């Protein structure tokens, strides 16, 4: 008996849209940034996702990608300055201020994306 088995190709993995450019993806990026306060490497995953998906979505979502990317890099810059200033003691307070600044920016982004609104000034250094 010569039986022929037909096999179905395996469908590509489903991500429910959280890896594709769009609102769900930017929410994942913001959450990864928040989780990075506990698991630092998650911010790196978030920035990679932001760079991979930038330029591939609606204009209002693009403001969020710009905001997220700038939040990461400005936070790194402020963190380095704070670390250097720890030698004179003020760096500890500045590091706390940087953490608060980052959380506020992330919350602003999460609130705006949940309302399907763009970030008003995505290139801002502050809030």
PDB file of N, CA and C in Angstrom:
ATOM      1  N   UNK A   1       0.830  -1.179   0.000  1.00  0.00           N
ATOM      2  CA  UNK A   1       0.000   0.000   0.000  1.00  0.00           C
ATOM      3  C   UNK A   1       0.874   1.242   0.000  1.00  0.00           C
ATOM      4  N   UNK A   2       0.638   2.047  -0.954  1.00  0.00           N
ATOM      5  CA  UNK A   2       1.412   3.280  -1.067  1.00  0.00           C
ATOM      6  C   UNK A   2       0.498   4.453  -0.741  1.00  0.00           C
ATOM      7  N   UNK A   3       0.550   4.864   0.482  1.00  0.00           N
ATOM      8  CA  UNK A   3      -0.310   5.955   0.937  1.00  0.00           C
ATOM      9  C   UNK A   3       0.426   7.276   0.818  1.00  0.00           C
ATOM     10  N   UNK A   4      -0.241   8.214   0.244  1.00  0.00           N
ATOM     11  CA  UNK A   4       0.348   9.537   0.136  1.00  0.00           C
ATOM     12  C   UNK A   4      -0.235  10.425   1.220  1.00  0.00           C
ATOM     13  N   UNK A   5       0.655  10.948   2.030  1.00  0.00           N
ATOM     14  CA  UNK A   5       0.191  11.847   3.104  1.00  0.00           C
ATOM     15  C   UNK A   5       0.360  13.271   2.647  1.00  0.00           C
ATOM     16  N   UNK A   6      -0.678  13.991   2.800  1.00  0.00           N
ATOM     17  CA  UNK A   6      -0.609  15.403   2.479  1.00  0.00           C
ATOM     18  C   UNK A   6      -0.417  16.182   3.774  1.00  0.00           C
ATOM     19  N   UNK A   7       0.572  17.017   3.748  1.00  0.00           N
ATOM     20  CA  UNK A   7       0.817  17.842   4.933  1.00  0.00           C
ATOM     21  C   UNK A   7       0.512  19.282   4.595  1.00  0.00           C
ATOM     22  N   UNK A   8      -0.073  19.922   5.538  1.00  0.00           N
ATOM     23  CA  UNK A   8      -0.391  21.335   5.390  1.00  0.00           C
ATOM     24  C   UNK A   8       0.806  22.155   5.842  1.00  0.00           C
ATOM     25  N   UNK A   9       1.142  23.192   5.091  1.00  0.00           N
ATOM     26  CA  UNK A   9       2.234  24.048   5.565  1.00  0.00           C
ATOM     27  C   UNK A   9       1.844  24.724   6.871  1.00  0.00           C
ATOM     28  N   UNK A  10       2.826  24.891   7.702  1.00  0.00           N
ATOM     29  CA  UNK A  10       2.584  25.540   8.987  1.00  0.00           C
ATOM     30  C   UNK A  10       2.359  27.025   8.758  1.00  0.00           C
ATOM     31  N   UNK A  11       1.232  27.546   9.253  1.00  0.00           N
ATOM     32  CA  UNK A  11       0.998  28.983   9.076  1.00  0.00           C
ATOM     33  C   UNK A  11       2.007  29.772   9.895  1.00  0.00           C
ATOM     34  N   UNK A  12       2.357  30.948   9.394  1.00  0.00           N
ATOM     35  CA  UNK A  12       3.305  31.769  10.166  1.00  0.00           C
ATOM     36  C   UNK A  12       2.726  32.114  11.533  1.00  0.00           C
ATOM     37  N   UNK A  13       3.605  32.328  12.491  1.00  0.00           N
ATOM     38  CA  UNK A  13       3.179  32.632  13.862  1.00  0.00           C
ATOM     39  C   UNK A  13       2.293  33.865  13.923  1.00  0.00           C
ATOM     40  N   UNK A  14       1.291  33.785  14.743  1.00  0.00           N
ATOM     41  CA  UNK A  14       0.392  34.919  14.918  1.00  0.00           C
ATOM     42  C   UNK A  14       0.828  35.704  16.129  1.00  0.00           C
ATOM     43  N   UNK A  15       0.878  36.986  15.980  1.00  0.00           N
ATOM     44  CA  UNK A  15       1.287  37.849  17.090  1.00  0.00           C
ATOM     45  C   UNK A  15       0.145  38.735  17.557  1.00  0.00           C
ATOM     46  N   UNK A  16      -1.013  38.576  16.961  1.00  0.00           N
ATOM     47  CA  UNK A  16      -2.173  39.405  17.294  1.00  0.00           C
ATOM     48  C   UNK A  16      -1.893  40.891  17.111  1.00  0.00           C
ATOM     49  N   UNK A  17      -0.963  41.207  16.224  1.00  0.00           N
ATOM     50  CA  UNK A  17      -0.710  42.591  15.879  1.00  0.00           C
ATOM     51  C   UNK A  17       0.261  43.342  16.764  1.00  0.00           C
ATOM     52  N   UNK A  18       0.794  42.713  17.800  1.00  0.00           N
ATOM     53  CA  UNK A  18       1.646  43.486  18.700  1.00  0.00           C
ATOM     54  C   UNK A  18       3.054  43.702  18.148  1.00  0.00           C
ATOM     55  N   UNK A  19       3.441  42.966  17.099  1.00  0.00           N
ATOM     56  CA  UNK A  19       4.730  43.221  16.459  1.00  0.00           C
ATOM     57  C   UNK A  19       4.608  44.078  15.214  1.00  0.00           C
ATOM     58  N   UNK A  20       3.417  44.142  14.649  1.00  0.00           N
ATOM     59  CA  UNK A  20       3.196  44.952  13.456  1.00  0.00           C
ATOM     60  C   UNK A  20       3.061  46.425  13.844  1.00  0.00           C
ATOM     61  N   UNK A  21       3.481  47.323  12.952  1.00  0.00           N
ATOM     62  CA  UNK A  21       3.369  48.762  13.256  1.00  0.00           C
ATOM     63  C   UNK A  21       1.930  49.155  13.551  1.00  0.00           C
ATOM     64  N   UNK A  22       1.734  49.950  14.563  1.00  0.00           N
ATOM     65  CA  UNK A  22       0.399  50.434  14.897  1.00  0.00           C
ATOM     66  C   UNK A  22       0.257  50.701  16.379  1.00  0.00           C
ATOM     67  N   UNK A  23      -0.954  51.007  16.789  1.00  0.00           N
ATOM     68  CA  UNK A  23      -1.196  51.373  18.193  1.00  0.00           C
ATOM     69  C   UNK A  23      -0.825  50.276  19.192  1.00  0.00           C
ATOM     70  N   UNK A  24      -1.135  49.026  18.875  1.00  0.00           N
ATOM     71  CA  UNK A  24      -0.813  47.946  19.812  1.00  0.00           C
ATOM     72  C   UNK A  24       0.689  47.825  19.990  1.00  0.00           C
ATOM     73  N   UNK A  25       1.427  47.944  18.900  1.00  0.00           N
ATOM     74  CA  UNK A  25       2.882  47.857  18.960  1.00  0.00           C
ATOM     75  C   UNK A  25       3.478  48.971  19.811  1.00  0.00           C
ATOM     76  N   UNK A  26       2.988  50.181  19.660  1.00  0.00           N
ATOM     77  CA  UNK A  26       3.546  51.286  20.445  1.00  0.00           C
ATOM     78  C   UNK A  26       3.195  51.120  21.922  1.00  0.00           C
ATOM     79  N   UNK A  27       2.022  50.550  22.219  1.00  0.00           N
ATOM     80  CA  UNK A  27       1.691  50.267  23.617  1.00  0.00           C
ATOM     81  C   UNK A  27       2.665  49.246  24.199  1.00  0.00           C
ATOM     82  N   UNK A  28       3.013  48.237  23.412  1.00  0.00           N
ATOM     83  CA  UNK A  28       3.980  47.238  23.861  1.00  0.00           C
ATOM     84  C   UNK A  28       5.331  47.900  24.138  1.00  0.00           C
ATOM     85  N   UNK A  29       5.723  48.816  23.272  1.00  0.00           N
ATOM     86  CA  UNK A  29       6.999  49.524  23.462  1.00  0.00           C
ATOM     87  C   UNK A  29       6.980  50.322  24.763  1.00  0.00           C
ATOM     88  N   UNK A  30       5.893  51.054  24.997  1.00  0.00           N
ATOM     89  CA  UNK A  30       5.801  51.823  26.245  1.00  0.00           C
ATOM     90  C   UNK A  30       5.854  50.894  27.466  1.00  0.00           C
ATOM     91  N   UNK A  31       5.161  49.774  27.394  1.00  0.00           N
ATOM     92  CA  UNK A  31       5.156  48.827  28.523  1.00  0.00           C
ATOM     93  C   UNK A  31       6.547  48.232  28.729  1.00  0.00           C
ATOM     94  N   UNK A  32       7.240  47.929  27.627  1.00  0.00           N
ATOM     95  CA  UNK A  32       8.615  47.439  27.755  1.00  0.00           C
ATOM     96  C   UNK A  32       9.504  48.469  28.445  1.00  0.00           C
ATOM     97  N   UNK A  33       9.284  49.747  28.130  1.00  0.00           N
ATOM     98  CA  UNK A  33      10.053  50.799  28.810  1.00  0.00           C
ATOM     99  C   UNK A  33       9.765  50.806  30.305  1.00  0.00           C
ATOM    100  N   UNK A  34       8.499  50.658  30.677  1.00  0.00           N
ATOM    101  CA  UNK A  34       8.160  50.626  32.104  1.00  0.00           C
ATOM    102  C   UNK A  34       8.775  49.415  32.794  1.00  0.00           C
ATOM    103  N   UNK A  35       8.711  48.265  32.132  1.00  0.00           N
ATOM    104  CA  UNK A  35       9.264  47.040  32.700  1.00  0.00           C
ATOM    105  C   UNK A  35      10.777  47.148  32.861  1.00  0.00           C
ATOM    106  N   UNK A  36      11.399  48.006  32.067  1.00  0.00           N
ATOM    107  CA  UNK A  36      12.857  48.140  32.132  1.00  0.00           C
ATOM    108  C   UNK A  36      13.341  48.678  33.476  1.00  0.00           C
ATOM    109  N   UNK A  37      12.452  49.261  34.267  1.00  0.00           N
ATOM    110  CA  UNK A  37      12.858  49.701  35.602  1.00  0.00           C
ATOM    111  C   UNK A  37      13.125  48.502  36.500  1.00  0.00           C
ATOM    112  N   UNK A  38      12.572  47.335  36.121  1.00  0.00           N
ATOM    113  CA  UNK A  38      12.809  46.104  36.868  1.00  0.00           C
ATOM    114  C   UNK A  38      13.760  45.189  36.091  1.00  0.00           C
ATOM    115  N   UNK A  39      13.513  45.062  34.796  1.00  0.00           N
ATOM    116  CA  UNK A  39      14.332  44.212  33.919  1.00  0.00           C
ATOM    117  C   UNK A  39      14.904  45.124  32.839  1.00  0.00           C
ATOM    118  N   UNK A  40      16.094  45.612  33.036  1.00  0.00           N
ATOM    119  CA  UNK A  40      16.684  46.645  32.187  1.00  0.00           C
ATOM    120  C   UNK A  40      16.735  46.333  30.710  1.00  0.00           C
ATOM    121  N   UNK A  41      16.896  45.087  30.338  1.00  0.00           N
ATOM    122  CA  UNK A  41      17.057  44.725  28.928  1.00  0.00           C
ATOM    123  C   UNK A  41      15.788  44.976  28.115  1.00  0.00           C
ATOM    124  N   UNK A  42      14.647  45.056  28.766  1.00  0.00           N
ATOM    125  CA  UNK A  42      13.390  45.230  28.024  1.00  0.00           C
ATOM    126  C   UNK A  42      13.339  46.571  27.292  1.00  0.00           C
ATOM    127  N   UNK A  43      14.039  47.571  27.792  1.00  0.00           N
ATOM    128  CA  UNK A  43      14.084  48.863  27.088  1.00  0.00           C
ATOM    129  C   UNK A  43      14.796  48.711  25.749  1.00  0.00           C
ATOM    130  N   UNK A  44      15.802  47.861  25.703  1.00  0.00           N
ATOM    131  CA  UNK A  44      16.505  47.620  24.436  1.00  0.00           C
ATOM    132  C   UNK A  44      15.591  46.935  23.428  1.00  0.00           C
ATOM    133  N   UNK A  45      14.770  46.021  23.894  1.00  0.00           N
ATOM    134  CA  UNK A  45      13.793  45.372  23.010  1.00  0.00           C
ATOM    135  C   UNK A  45      12.812  46.420  22.496  1.00  0.00           C
ATOM    136  N   UNK A  46      12.376  47.318  23.379  1.00  0.00           N
ATOM    137  CA  UNK A  46      11.453  48.376  22.994  1.00  0.00           C
ATOM    138  C   UNK A  46      12.024  49.307  21.945  1.00  0.00           C
ATOM    139  N   UNK A  47      13.277  49.712  22.102  1.00  0.00           N
ATOM    140  CA  UNK A  47      13.871  50.639  21.137  1.00  0.00           C
ATOM    141  C   UNK A  47      14.071  49.958  19.789  1.00  0.00           C
ATOM    142  N   UNK A  48      14.408  48.676  19.798  1.00  0.00           N
ATOM    143  CA  UNK A  48      14.555  47.942  18.537  1.00  0.00           C
ATOM    144  C   UNK A  48      13.209  47.867  17.823  1.00  0.00           C
ATOM    145  N   UNK A  49      12.148  47.548  18.559  1.00  0.00           N
ATOM    146  CA  UNK A  49      10.805  47.513  17.959  1.00  0.00           C
ATOM    147  C   UNK A  49      10.421  48.871  17.393  1.00  0.00           C
ATOM    148  N   UNK A  50      10.751  49.929  18.112  1.00  0.00           N
ATOM    149  CA  UNK A  50      10.411  51.276  17.647  1.00  0.00           C
ATOM    150  C   UNK A  50      11.132  51.600  16.342  1.00  0.00           C
ATOM    151  N   UNK A  51      12.416  51.269  16.264  1.00  0.00           N
ATOM    152  CA  UNK A  51      13.157  51.541  15.036  1.00  0.00           C
ATOM    153  C   UNK A  51      12.683  50.673  13.876  1.00  0.00           C
ATOM    154  N   UNK A  52      12.349  49.414  14.155  1.00  0.00           N
ATOM    155  CA  UNK A  52      11.884  48.519  13.095  1.00  0.00           C
ATOM    156  C   UNK A  52      10.552  48.963  12.498  1.00  0.00           C
ATOM    157  N   UNK A  53       9.694  49.559  13.313  1.00  0.00           N
ATOM    158  CA  UNK A  53       8.344  49.893  12.855  1.00  0.00           C
ATOM    159  C   UNK A  53       8.141  51.364  12.516  1.00  0.00           C
ATOM    160  N   UNK A  54       9.140  52.185  12.776  1.00  0.00           N
ATOM    161  CA  UNK A  54       9.023  53.604  12.457  1.00  0.00           C
ATOM    162  C   UNK A  54       8.907  53.782  10.942  1.00  0.00           C
ATOM    163  N   UNK A  55       8.009  54.670  10.541  1.00  0.00           N
ATOM    164  CA  UNK A  55       7.821  54.964   9.129  1.00  0.00           C
ATOM    165  C   UNK A  55       6.883  54.012   8.412  1.00  0.00           C
ATOM    166  N   UNK A  56       6.209  53.150   9.154  1.00  0.00           N
ATOM    167  CA  UNK A  56       5.343  52.145   8.532  1.00  0.00           C
ATOM    168  C   UNK A  56       3.892  52.239   8.993  1.00  0.00           C
ATOM    169  N   UNK A  57       3.513  53.323   9.622  1.00  0.00           N
ATOM    170  CA  UNK A  57       2.183  53.395  10.196  1.00  0.00           C
ATOM    171  C   UNK A  57       1.535  54.738   9.877  1.00  0.00           C
ATOM    172  N   UNK A  58       0.344  54.925  10.433  1.00  0.00           N
ATOM    173  CA  UNK A  58      -0.380  56.177  10.244  1.00  0.00           C
ATOM    174  C   UNK A  58       0.403  57.328  10.891  1.00  0.00           C
ATOM    175  N   UNK A  59       0.124  58.538  10.437  1.00  0.00           N
ATOM    176  CA  UNK A  59       0.911  59.692  10.909  1.00  0.00           C
ATOM    177  C   UNK A  59       0.773  59.912  12.418  1.00  0.00           C
ATOM    178  N   UNK A  60      -0.417  59.691  12.989  1.00  0.00           N
ATOM    179  CA  UNK A  60      -0.561  59.934  14.422  1.00  0.00           C
ATOM    180  C   UNK A  60       0.222  58.908  15.230  1.00  0.00           C
ATOM    181  N   UNK A  61       0.369  57.688  14.710  1.00  0.00           N
ATOM    182  CA  UNK A  61       1.161  56.673  15.406  1.00  0.00           C
ATOM    183  C   UNK A  61       2.647  56.983  15.257  1.00  0.00           C
ATOM    184  N   UNK A  62       3.026  57.558  14.131  1.00  0.00           N
ATOM    185  CA  UNK A  62       4.426  57.930  13.913  1.00  0.00           C
ATOM    186  C   UNK A  62       4.916  58.914  14.966  1.00  0.00           C
ATOM    187  N   UNK A  63       4.024  59.792  15.444  1.00  0.00           N
ATOM    188  CA  UNK A  63       4.435  60.720  16.503  1.00  0.00           C
ATOM    189  C   UNK A  63       4.816  59.950  17.764  1.00  0.00           C
ATOM    190  N   UNK A  64       4.147  58.838  17.998  1.00  0.00           N
ATOM    191  CA  UNK A  64       4.451  58.004  19.166  1.00  0.00           C
ATOM    192  C   UNK A  64       5.800  57.310  19.006  1.00  0.00           C
ATOM    193  N   UNK A  65       6.107  56.836  17.799  1.00  0.00           N
ATOM    194  CA  UNK A  65       7.415  56.215  17.580  1.00  0.00           C
ATOM    195  C   UNK A  65       8.532  57.233  17.815  1.00  0.00           C
ATOM    196  N   UNK A  66       8.358  58.441  17.312  1.00  0.00           N
ATOM    197  CA  UNK A  66       9.349  59.495  17.534  1.00  0.00           C
ATOM    198  C   UNK A  66       9.495  59.773  19.028  1.00  0.00           C
ATOM    199  N   UNK A  67       8.369  59.892  19.715  1.00  0.00           N
ATOM    200  CA  UNK A  67       8.348  60.153  21.162  1.00  0.00           C
ATOM    201  C   UNK A  67       9.058  59.028  21.918  1.00  0.00           C
ATOM    202  N   UNK A  68       8.770  57.780  21.567  1.00  0.00           N
ATOM    203  CA  UNK A  68       9.365  56.632  22.258  1.00  0.00           C
ATOM    204  C   UNK A  68      10.870  56.560  22.020  1.00  0.00           C
ATOM    205  N   UNK A  69      11.281  56.784  20.775  1.00  0.00           N
ATOM    206  CA  UNK A  69      12.713  56.740  20.459  1.00  0.00           C
ATOM    207  C   UNK A  69      13.448  57.851  21.189  1.00  0.00           C
ATOM    208  N   UNK A  70      12.888  59.042  21.187  1.00  0.00           N
ATOM    209  CA  UNK A  70      13.525  60.163  21.872  1.00  0.00           C
ATOM    210  C   UNK A  70      13.518  59.966  23.386  1.00  0.00           C
ATOM    211  N   UNK A  71      12.462  59.377  23.927  1.00  0.00           N
ATOM    212  CA  UNK A  71      12.423  59.092  25.365  1.00  0.00           C
ATOM    213  C   UNK A  71      13.584  58.175  25.741  1.00  0.00           C
ATOM    214  N   UNK A  72      13.828  57.151  24.938  1.00  0.00           N
ATOM    215  CA  UNK A  72      14.922  56.230  25.217  1.00  0.00           C
ATOM    216  C   UNK A  72      16.267  56.953  25.199  1.00  0.00           C
ATOM    217  N   UNK A  73      16.580  57.631  24.096  1.00  0.00           N
ATOM    218  CA  UNK A  73      17.909  58.225  23.939  1.00  0.00           C
ATOM    219  C   UNK A  73      18.148  59.405  24.877  1.00  0.00           C
ATOM    220  N   UNK A  74      17.145  60.230  25.083  1.00  0.00           N
ATOM    221  CA  UNK A  74      17.304  61.344  26.025  1.00  0.00           C
ATOM    222  C   UNK A  74      17.456  60.790  27.443  1.00  0.00           C
ATOM    223  N   UNK A  75      16.713  59.733  27.766  1.00  0.00           N
ATOM    224  CA  UNK A  75      16.854  59.085  29.063  1.00  0.00           C
ATOM    225  C   UNK A  75      18.250  58.518  29.270  1.00  0.00           C
ATOM    226  N   UNK A  76      18.818  57.924  28.228  1.00  0.00           N
ATOM    227  CA  UNK A  76      20.194  57.420  28.313  1.00  0.00           C
ATOM    228  C   UNK A  76      21.161  58.580  28.560  1.00  0.00           C
ATOM    229  N   UNK A  77      20.993  59.663  27.815  1.00  0.00           N
ATOM    230  CA  UNK A  77      21.858  60.832  28.000  1.00  0.00           C
ATOM    231  C   UNK A  77      21.747  61.379  29.425  1.00  0.00           C
ATOM    232  N   UNK A  78      20.517  61.604  29.882  1.00  0.00           N
ATOM    233  CA  UNK A  78      20.318  62.113  31.245  1.00  0.00           C
ATOM    234  C   UNK A  78      20.878  61.138  32.283  1.00  0.00           C
ATOM    235  N   UNK A  79      20.731  59.850  32.033  1.00  0.00           N
ATOM    236  CA  UNK A  79      21.260  58.839  32.955  1.00  0.00           C
ATOM    237  C   UNK A  79      22.770  58.880  33.047  1.00  0.00           C
ATOM    238  N   UNK A  80      23.437  59.069  31.906  1.00  0.00           N
ATOM    239  CA  UNK A  80      24.899  59.155  31.901  1.00  0.00           C
ATOM    240  C   UNK A  80      25.366  60.403  32.660  1.00  0.00           C
ATOM    241  N   UNK A  81      24.702  61.526  32.393  1.00  0.00           N
ATOM    242  CA  UNK A  81      25.050  62.763  33.107  1.00  0.00           C
ATOM    243  C   UNK A  81      24.842  62.565  34.614  1.00  0.00           C
ATOM    244  N   UNK A  82      23.749  61.926  34.998  1.00  0.00           N
ATOM    245  CA  UNK A  82      23.481  61.667  36.415  1.00  0.00           C
ATOM    246  C   UNK A  82      24.547  60.765  37.017  1.00  0.00           C
ATOM    247  N   UNK A  83      24.960  59.741  36.284  1.00  0.00           N
ATOM    248  CA  UNK A  83      25.991  58.824  36.791  1.00  0.00           C
ATOM    249  C   UNK A  83      27.313  59.543  37.003  1.00  0.00           C
ATOM    250  N   UNK A  84      27.668  60.428  36.072  1.00  0.00           N
ATOM    251  CA  UNK A  84      28.908  61.192  36.222  1.00  0.00           C
ATOM    252  C   UNK A  84      28.818  62.120  37.439  1.00  0.00           C
ATOM    253  N   UNK A  85      27.651  62.714  37.629  1.00  0.00           N
ATOM    254  CA  UNK A  85      27.492  63.650  38.749  1.00  0.00           C
ATOM    255  C   UNK A  85      27.322  62.955  40.103  1.00  0.00           C
ATOM    256  N   UNK A  86      27.253  61.633  40.114  1.00  0.00           N
ATOM    257  CA  UNK A  86      27.194  60.914  41.383  1.00  0.00           C
ATOM    258  C   UNK A  86      28.481  61.097  42.182  1.00  0.00           C
ATOM    259  N   UNK A  87      29.543  61.433  41.497  1.00  0.00           N
ATOM    260  CA  UNK A  87      30.833  61.685  42.162  1.00  0.00           C
ATOM    261  C   UNK A  87      30.698  62.838  43.150  1.00  0.00           C
ATOM    262  N   UNK A  88      29.916  63.840  42.801  1.00  0.00           N
ATOM    263  CA  UNK A  88      29.733  64.978  43.699  1.00  0.00           C
ATOM    264  C   UNK A  88      28.441  64.877  44.514  1.00  0.00           C
ATOM    265  N   UNK A  89      27.730  63.784  44.368  1.00  0.00           N
ATOM    266  CA  UNK A  89      26.557  63.546  45.195  1.00  0.00           C
ATOM    267  C   UNK A  89      25.226  63.938  44.607  1.00  0.00           C
ATOM    268  N   UNK A  90      25.201  64.928  43.735  1.00  0.00           N
ATOM    269  CA  UNK A  90      23.921  65.388  43.188  1.00  0.00           C
ATOM    270  C   UNK A  90      23.349  64.403  42.166  1.00  0.00           C
ATOM    271  N   UNK A  91      24.188  63.515  41.645  1.00  0.00           N
ATOM    272  CA  UNK A  91      23.750  62.561  40.633  1.00  0.00           C
ATOM    273  C   UNK A  91      22.640  61.641  41.102  1.00  0.00           C
ATOM    274  N   UNK A  92      22.620  61.316  42.390  1.00  0.00           N
ATOM    275  CA  UNK A  92      21.576  60.439  42.918  1.00  0.00           C
ATOM    276  C   UNK A  92      20.204  61.087  42.796  1.00  0.00           C
ATOM    277  N   UNK A  93      20.145  62.378  43.125  1.00  0.00           N
ATOM    278  CA  UNK A  93      18.880  63.103  42.985  1.00  0.00           C
ATOM    279  C   UNK A  93      18.498  63.261  41.522  1.00  0.00           C
ATOM    280  N   UNK A  94      19.483  63.528  40.683  1.00  0.00           N
ATOM    281  CA  UNK A  94      19.204  63.668  39.256  1.00  0.00           C
ATOM    282  C   UNK A  94      18.720  62.356  38.654  1.00  0.00           C
ATOM    283  N   UNK A  95      19.292  61.236  39.101  1.00  0.00           N
ATOM    284  CA  UNK A  95      18.857  59.937  38.598  1.00  0.00           C
ATOM    285  C   UNK A  95      17.402  59.669  38.962  1.00  0.00           C
ATOM    286  N   UNK A  96      17.010  60.061  40.147  1.00  0.00           N
ATOM    287  CA  UNK A  96      15.607  59.945  40.544  1.00  0.00           C
ATOM    288  C   UNK A  96      14.727  60.826  39.664  1.00  0.00           C
ATOM    289  N   UNK A  97      15.188  62.043  39.393  1.00  0.00           N
ATOM    290  CA  UNK A  97      14.440  62.957  38.521  1.00  0.00           C
ATOM    291  C   UNK A  97      14.319  62.391  37.102  1.00  0.00           C
ATOM    292  N   UNK A  98      15.361  61.745  36.608  1.00  0.00           N
ATOM    293  CA  UNK A  98      15.320  61.139  35.271  1.00  0.00           C
ATOM    294  C   UNK A  98      14.302  60.005  35.247  1.00  0.00           C
ATOM    295  N   UNK A  99      14.264  59.197  36.286  1.00  0.00           N
ATOM    296  CA  UNK A  99      13.298  58.101  36.351  1.00  0.00           C
ATOM    297  C   UNK A  99      11.867  58.644  36.350  1.00  0.00           C
ATOM    298  N   UNK A 100      11.630  59.686  37.116  1.00  0.00           N
ATOM    299  CA  UNK A 100      10.296  60.299  37.151  1.00  0.00           C
ATOM    300  C   UNK A 100       9.955  60.882  35.784  1.00  0.00           C
ATOM    301  N   UNK A 101      10.921  61.561  35.166  1.00  0.00           N
ATOM    302  CA  UNK A 101      10.731  62.136  33.827  1.00  0.00           C
ATOM    303  C   UNK A 101      10.352  61.053  32.829  1.00  0.00           C
ATOM    304  N   UNK A 102      11.052  59.935  32.864  1.00  0.00           N
ATOM    305  CA  UNK A 102      10.777  58.846  31.925  1.00  0.00           C
ATOM    306  C   UNK A 102       9.389  58.255  32.153  1.00  0.00           C
ATOM    307  N   UNK A 103       9.024  58.020  33.398  1.00  0.00           N
ATOM    308  CA  UNK A 103       7.703  57.452  33.695  1.00  0.00           C
ATOM    309  C   UNK A 103       6.599  58.400  33.235  1.00  0.00           C
ATOM    310  N   UNK A 104       6.774  59.685  33.465  1.00  0.00           N
ATOM    311  CA  UNK A 104       5.758  60.658  33.048  1.00  0.00           C
ATOM    312  C   UNK A 104       5.617  60.656  31.524  1.00  0.00           C
ATOM    313  N   UNK A 105       6.733  60.627  30.799  1.00  0.00           N
ATOM    314  CA  UNK A 105       6.666  60.587  29.328  1.00  0.00           C
ATOM    315  C   UNK A 105       5.978  59.307  28.844  1.00  0.00           C
ATOM    316  N   UNK A 106       6.284  58.196  29.483  1.00  0.00           N
ATOM    317  CA  UNK A 106       5.676  56.923  29.085  1.00  0.00           C
ATOM    318  C   UNK A 106       4.170  56.951  29.350  1.00  0.00           C
ATOM    319  N   UNK A 107       3.773  57.464  30.500  1.00  0.00           N
ATOM    320  CA  UNK A 107       2.345  57.545  30.828  1.00  0.00           C
ATOM    321  C   UNK A 107       1.624  58.487  29.865  1.00  0.00           C
ATOM    322  N   UNK A 108       2.251  59.608  29.524  1.00  0.00           N
ATOM    323  CA  UNK A 108       1.660  60.528  28.551  1.00  0.00           C
ATOM    324  C   UNK A 108       1.443  59.798  27.228  1.00  0.00           C
ATOM    325  N   UNK A 109       2.441  59.043  26.801  1.00  0.00           N
ATOM    326  CA  UNK A 109       2.324  58.289  25.557  1.00  0.00           C
ATOM    327  C   UNK A 109       1.236  57.232  25.619  1.00  0.00           C
ATOM    328  N   UNK A 110       1.190  56.479  26.703  1.00  0.00           N
ATOM    329  CA  UNK A 110       0.159  55.447  26.849  1.00  0.00           C
ATOM    330  C   UNK A 110      -1.245  56.045  26.845  1.00  0.00           C
ATOM    331  N   UNK A 111      -1.417  57.158  27.537  1.00  0.00           N
ATOM    332  CA  UNK A 111      -2.736  57.801  27.556  1.00  0.00           C
ATOM    333  C   UNK A 111      -3.129  58.294  26.173  1.00  0.00           C
ATOM    334  N   UNK A 112      -2.199  58.905  25.470  1.00  0.00           N
ATOM    335  CA  UNK A 112      -2.508  59.431  24.135  1.00  0.00           C
ATOM    336  C   UNK A 112      -2.830  58.306  23.155  1.00  0.00           C
ATOM    337  N   UNK A 113      -2.059  57.227  23.182  1.00  0.00           N
ATOM    338  CA  UNK A 113      -2.323  56.135  22.233  1.00  0.00           C
ATOM    339  C   UNK A 113      -3.637  55.428  22.565  1.00  0.00           C
ATOM    340  N   UNK A 114      -4.002  55.372  23.830  1.00  0.00           N
ATOM    341  CA  UNK A 114      -5.277  54.736  24.187  1.00  0.00           C
ATOM    342  C   UNK A 114      -6.467  55.570  23.714  1.00  0.00           C
ATOM    343  N   UNK A 115      -6.245  56.877  23.537  1.00  0.00           N
ATOM    344  CA  UNK A 115      -7.306  57.755  23.009  1.00  0.00           C
ATOM    345  C   UNK A 115      -7.160  57.954  21.499  1.00  0.00           C
ATOM    346  N   UNK A 116      -6.205  57.250  20.873  1.00  0.00           N
ATOM    347  CA  UNK A 116      -5.911  57.369  19.439  1.00  0.00           C
ATOM    348  C   UNK A 116      -5.552  58.800  19.053  1.00  0.00           C
ATOM    349  N   UNK A 117      -4.775  59.447  19.911  1.00  0.00           N
ATOM    350  CA  UNK A 117      -4.345  60.820  19.669  1.00  0.00           C
ATOM    351  C   UNK A 117      -2.842  60.848  19.413  1.00  0.00           C
ATOM    352  N   UNK A 118      -2.390  61.791  18.589  1.00  0.00           N
ATOM    353  CA  UNK A 118      -0.943  61.929  18.396  1.00  0.00           C
ATOM    354  C   UNK A 118      -0.301  62.626  19.592  1.00  0.00           C
ATOM    355  N   UNK A 119       1.010  62.493  19.684  1.00  0.00           N
ATOM    356  CA  UNK A 119       1.769  63.274  20.661  1.00  0.00           C
ATOM    357  C   UNK A 119       1.869  64.686  20.092  1.00  0.00           C
ATOM    358  N   UNK A 120       1.528  65.677  20.903  1.00  0.00           N
ATOM    359  CA  UNK A 120       1.470  67.056  20.400  1.00  0.00           C
ATOM    360  C   UNK A 120       2.829  67.581  19.953  1.00  0.00           C
ATOM    361  N   UNK A 121       3.882  67.331  20.700  1.00  0.00           N
ATOM    362  CA  UNK A 121       5.224  67.785  20.335  1.00  0.00           C
ATOM    363  C   UNK A 121       6.203  66.615  20.528  1.00  0.00           C
ATOM    364  N   UNK A 122       6.250  65.687  19.566  1.00  0.00           N
ATOM    365  CA  UNK A 122       7.038  64.472  19.749  1.00  0.00           C
ATOM    366  C   UNK A 122       8.547  64.698  19.831  1.00  0.00           C
ATOM    367  N   UNK A 123       9.020  65.863  19.420  1.00  0.00           N
ATOM    368  CA  UNK A 123      10.460  66.112  19.458  1.00  0.00           C
ATOM    369  C   UNK A 123      10.895  66.885  20.700  1.00  0.00           C
ATOM    370  N   UNK A 124       9.997  67.026  21.641  1.00  0.00           N
ATOM    371  CA  UNK A 124      10.292  67.753  22.872  1.00  0.00           C
ATOM    372  C   UNK A 124      11.307  66.979  23.722  1.00  0.00           C
ATOM    373  N   UNK A 125      12.150  67.734  24.443  1.00  0.00           N
ATOM    374  CA  UNK A 125      13.084  67.149  25.381  1.00  0.00           C
ATOM    375  C   UNK A 125      12.445  66.992  26.753  1.00  0.00           C
ATOM    376  N   UNK A 126      11.381  67.704  26.989  1.00  0.00           N
ATOM    377  CA  UNK A 126      10.758  67.650  28.307  1.00  0.00           C
ATOM    378  C   UNK A 126       9.460  66.845  28.235  1.00  0.00           C
ATOM    379  N   UNK A 127       8.365  67.461  28.576  1.00  0.00           N
ATOM    380  CA  UNK A 127       7.082  66.766  28.571  1.00  0.00           C
ATOM    381  C   UNK A 127       6.211  67.436  27.567  1.00  0.00           C
TER     382      UNK A 127
END
